[in-house]
N, C-alpha and C. Protein backbone atom coordinates (compact mmCIF):
# COMPACT_ATOMS: atom_id res chain seq x y z
N MET A 1 0.84 -1.19 0.00
CA MET A 1 0.00 0.00 0.00
C MET A 1 0.89 1.25 0.00
N ALA A 2 0.54 2.20 -0.83
CA ALA A 2 1.31 3.44 -0.96
C ALA A 2 1.03 4.37 0.23
N MET A 3 2.00 5.21 0.50
CA MET A 3 1.83 6.22 1.56
C MET A 3 1.18 7.47 0.98
N GLN A 4 0.42 8.14 1.79
CA GLN A 4 -0.18 9.41 1.40
C GLN A 4 0.75 10.56 1.81
N ALA A 5 0.66 11.66 1.09
CA ALA A 5 1.51 12.82 1.36
C ALA A 5 1.35 13.31 2.79
N ASP A 6 0.13 13.32 3.32
CA ASP A 6 -0.07 13.83 4.68
C ASP A 6 0.59 12.92 5.72
N GLU A 7 0.68 11.63 5.43
CA GLU A 7 1.37 10.71 6.35
C GLU A 7 2.87 10.95 6.34
N ILE A 8 3.44 11.21 5.17
CA ILE A 8 4.86 11.53 5.07
C ILE A 8 5.14 12.80 5.87
N GLU A 9 4.32 13.81 5.67
CA GLU A 9 4.49 15.08 6.39
C GLU A 9 4.37 14.87 7.91
N ARG A 10 3.39 14.08 8.34
CA ARG A 10 3.18 13.83 9.77
C ARG A 10 4.41 13.16 10.39
N LEU A 11 4.96 12.16 9.71
CA LEU A 11 6.14 11.46 10.23
C LEU A 11 7.34 12.39 10.34
N ILE A 12 7.56 13.21 9.32
CA ILE A 12 8.69 14.14 9.34
C ILE A 12 8.53 15.16 10.46
N LYS A 13 7.33 15.73 10.60
CA LYS A 13 7.10 16.74 11.64
C LYS A 13 7.15 16.14 13.05
N ALA A 14 6.82 14.87 13.18
CA ALA A 14 6.92 14.21 14.50
C ALA A 14 8.38 14.12 14.93
N ALA A 15 9.28 13.88 13.97
CA ALA A 15 10.70 13.74 14.29
C ALA A 15 11.44 15.07 14.27
N ILE A 16 10.97 16.01 13.44
CA ILE A 16 11.61 17.32 13.30
C ILE A 16 10.51 18.37 13.47
N PRO A 17 10.14 18.66 14.73
CA PRO A 17 8.96 19.48 15.00
C PRO A 17 8.95 20.88 14.37
N ASP A 18 10.13 21.48 14.18
CA ASP A 18 10.15 22.84 13.64
C ASP A 18 10.18 22.84 12.10
N ALA A 19 10.09 21.67 11.49
CA ALA A 19 10.22 21.57 10.04
C ALA A 19 9.05 22.21 9.30
N ASP A 20 9.41 22.90 8.23
CA ASP A 20 8.43 23.38 7.26
C ASP A 20 8.50 22.37 6.11
N VAL A 21 7.42 21.62 5.90
CA VAL A 21 7.42 20.50 4.97
C VAL A 21 6.45 20.75 3.82
N THR A 22 6.93 20.57 2.60
CA THR A 22 6.10 20.63 1.41
C THR A 22 6.28 19.32 0.65
N ILE A 23 5.17 18.64 0.39
CA ILE A 23 5.21 17.35 -0.31
C ILE A 23 4.46 17.50 -1.63
N ARG A 24 5.08 16.98 -2.71
CA ARG A 24 4.41 16.95 -4.02
C ARG A 24 4.40 15.52 -4.54
N ASP A 25 3.27 15.08 -5.07
CA ASP A 25 3.16 13.77 -5.71
C ASP A 25 3.63 13.95 -7.15
N LEU A 26 4.78 13.38 -7.49
CA LEU A 26 5.40 13.62 -8.80
C LEU A 26 4.70 12.91 -9.95
N ALA A 27 4.15 11.73 -9.70
CA ALA A 27 3.59 10.93 -10.79
C ALA A 27 2.08 10.70 -10.66
N GLY A 28 1.49 11.21 -9.59
CA GLY A 28 0.06 11.01 -9.38
C GLY A 28 -0.30 9.59 -8.97
N ASP A 29 0.72 8.82 -8.56
CA ASP A 29 0.48 7.41 -8.23
C ASP A 29 0.63 7.09 -6.75
N GLY A 30 0.92 8.11 -5.93
CA GLY A 30 1.10 7.86 -4.50
C GLY A 30 2.37 7.10 -4.16
N ASP A 31 3.27 6.96 -5.12
CA ASP A 31 4.52 6.23 -4.90
C ASP A 31 5.76 7.07 -5.10
N HIS A 32 5.64 8.16 -5.83
CA HIS A 32 6.80 8.99 -6.18
C HIS A 32 6.54 10.42 -5.73
N TYR A 33 7.26 10.82 -4.69
CA TYR A 33 7.05 12.14 -4.09
C TYR A 33 8.33 12.97 -4.13
N ALA A 34 8.13 14.27 -4.07
CA ALA A 34 9.22 15.20 -3.82
C ALA A 34 8.89 15.89 -2.51
N ALA A 35 9.88 16.04 -1.66
CA ALA A 35 9.68 16.69 -0.37
C ALA A 35 10.72 17.79 -0.19
N GLU A 36 10.24 18.96 0.19
CA GLU A 36 11.14 20.04 0.57
C GLU A 36 10.96 20.23 2.07
N ILE A 37 12.06 20.12 2.80
CA ILE A 37 12.03 20.24 4.25
C ILE A 37 13.01 21.31 4.66
N ARG A 38 12.51 22.31 5.35
CA ARG A 38 13.34 23.40 5.88
C ARG A 38 13.26 23.34 7.40
N SER A 39 14.42 23.34 8.05
CA SER A 39 14.44 23.26 9.51
C SER A 39 15.70 23.90 10.06
N ALA A 40 15.54 24.64 11.14
CA ALA A 40 16.70 25.23 11.82
C ALA A 40 17.58 24.13 12.42
N SER A 41 17.01 22.96 12.67
CA SER A 41 17.80 21.85 13.23
C SER A 41 18.82 21.30 12.23
N PHE A 42 18.73 21.70 10.97
CA PHE A 42 19.71 21.29 9.97
C PHE A 42 20.99 22.13 10.02
N ALA A 43 20.99 23.19 10.79
CA ALA A 43 22.16 24.09 10.86
C ALA A 43 23.41 23.30 11.24
N GLY A 44 24.47 23.51 10.47
CA GLY A 44 25.75 22.87 10.74
C GLY A 44 25.85 21.43 10.28
N LYS A 45 24.78 20.90 9.69
CA LYS A 45 24.79 19.52 9.22
C LYS A 45 24.99 19.50 7.70
N SER A 46 25.73 18.50 7.23
CA SER A 46 25.90 18.33 5.79
C SER A 46 24.57 17.93 5.17
N ARG A 47 24.48 18.06 3.86
CA ARG A 47 23.27 17.65 3.13
C ARG A 47 22.97 16.17 3.39
N VAL A 48 24.02 15.34 3.41
CA VAL A 48 23.84 13.91 3.68
C VAL A 48 23.25 13.70 5.08
N ALA A 49 23.76 14.42 6.06
CA ALA A 49 23.25 14.29 7.43
C ALA A 49 21.80 14.77 7.52
N GLN A 50 21.47 15.83 6.79
CA GLN A 50 20.08 16.32 6.77
C GLN A 50 19.16 15.25 6.19
N HIS A 51 19.56 14.66 5.08
CA HIS A 51 18.74 13.62 4.44
C HIS A 51 18.60 12.40 5.35
N LYS A 52 19.67 12.06 6.06
CA LYS A 52 19.62 10.93 6.98
C LYS A 52 18.57 11.17 8.07
N LEU A 53 18.50 12.39 8.59
CA LEU A 53 17.48 12.72 9.60
C LEU A 53 16.07 12.50 9.05
N VAL A 54 15.86 12.89 7.80
CA VAL A 54 14.54 12.73 7.18
C VAL A 54 14.23 11.24 7.00
N TYR A 55 15.20 10.48 6.48
CA TYR A 55 14.97 9.04 6.28
C TYR A 55 14.70 8.34 7.62
N GLU A 56 15.41 8.74 8.66
CA GLU A 56 15.17 8.17 9.99
C GLU A 56 13.75 8.49 10.46
N ALA A 57 13.28 9.70 10.15
CA ALA A 57 11.92 10.10 10.52
C ALA A 57 10.88 9.20 9.85
N LEU A 58 11.20 8.70 8.67
CA LEU A 58 10.27 7.85 7.92
C LEU A 58 10.29 6.41 8.40
N GLY A 59 11.16 6.11 9.34
CA GLY A 59 11.14 4.83 10.03
C GLY A 59 11.22 3.60 9.16
N GLY A 60 12.09 3.58 8.17
CA GLY A 60 12.27 2.38 7.36
C GLY A 60 11.22 2.16 6.30
N ARG A 61 10.39 3.16 6.02
CA ARG A 61 9.35 2.98 5.00
C ARG A 61 9.86 3.16 3.57
N MET A 62 11.06 3.75 3.42
CA MET A 62 11.62 3.92 2.08
C MET A 62 11.85 2.55 1.45
N GLY A 63 11.47 2.44 0.18
CA GLY A 63 11.65 1.18 -0.53
C GLY A 63 10.51 0.19 -0.29
N GLY A 64 9.66 0.49 0.68
CA GLY A 64 8.51 -0.36 0.95
C GLY A 64 7.24 0.40 0.62
N GLU A 65 6.61 0.95 1.67
CA GLU A 65 5.40 1.75 1.48
C GLU A 65 5.68 2.99 0.62
N LEU A 66 6.89 3.50 0.74
CA LEU A 66 7.28 4.71 0.02
C LEU A 66 8.36 4.33 -0.99
N HIS A 67 7.99 4.33 -2.25
CA HIS A 67 8.89 3.85 -3.29
C HIS A 67 10.01 4.84 -3.59
N ALA A 68 9.66 6.11 -3.81
CA ALA A 68 10.67 7.10 -4.20
C ALA A 68 10.36 8.45 -3.56
N LEU A 69 11.40 9.06 -3.01
CA LEU A 69 11.26 10.38 -2.40
C LEU A 69 12.45 11.24 -2.79
N GLN A 70 12.16 12.27 -3.56
CA GLN A 70 13.20 13.24 -3.97
C GLN A 70 13.26 14.30 -2.87
N LEU A 71 14.41 14.40 -2.20
CA LEU A 71 14.54 15.31 -1.07
C LEU A 71 15.27 16.59 -1.42
N THR A 72 14.74 17.70 -0.92
CA THR A 72 15.43 18.96 -0.88
C THR A 72 15.37 19.43 0.57
N THR A 73 16.53 19.62 1.17
CA THR A 73 16.57 20.04 2.57
C THR A 73 17.40 21.30 2.70
N GLY A 74 17.16 22.03 3.79
CA GLY A 74 17.93 23.23 4.04
C GLY A 74 17.38 24.00 5.22
N LEU A 75 17.97 25.14 5.44
CA LEU A 75 17.56 26.02 6.54
C LEU A 75 16.35 26.85 6.11
N PRO A 76 15.57 27.32 7.07
CA PRO A 76 14.44 28.19 6.73
C PRO A 76 14.92 29.44 6.00
N THR A 77 14.11 29.91 5.08
CA THR A 77 14.48 31.11 4.31
C THR A 77 13.87 32.35 4.92
């Protein structure tokens, strides 16, 4: 079963409470999403470390319920 965008957002915000999260369904199939996550907690972390925090927030759902997630992370603008 595919994940819904609101579930992805909920999981990310549960782990990164100050995150500003925008989710887009890239293919209209509920399997391929793009996520932009902005958080002050990313300060001083490499892009790889930022992405790792997001993947950890998703609790192992990547590759299963969530097939593809294109990540853009950074500090709040």
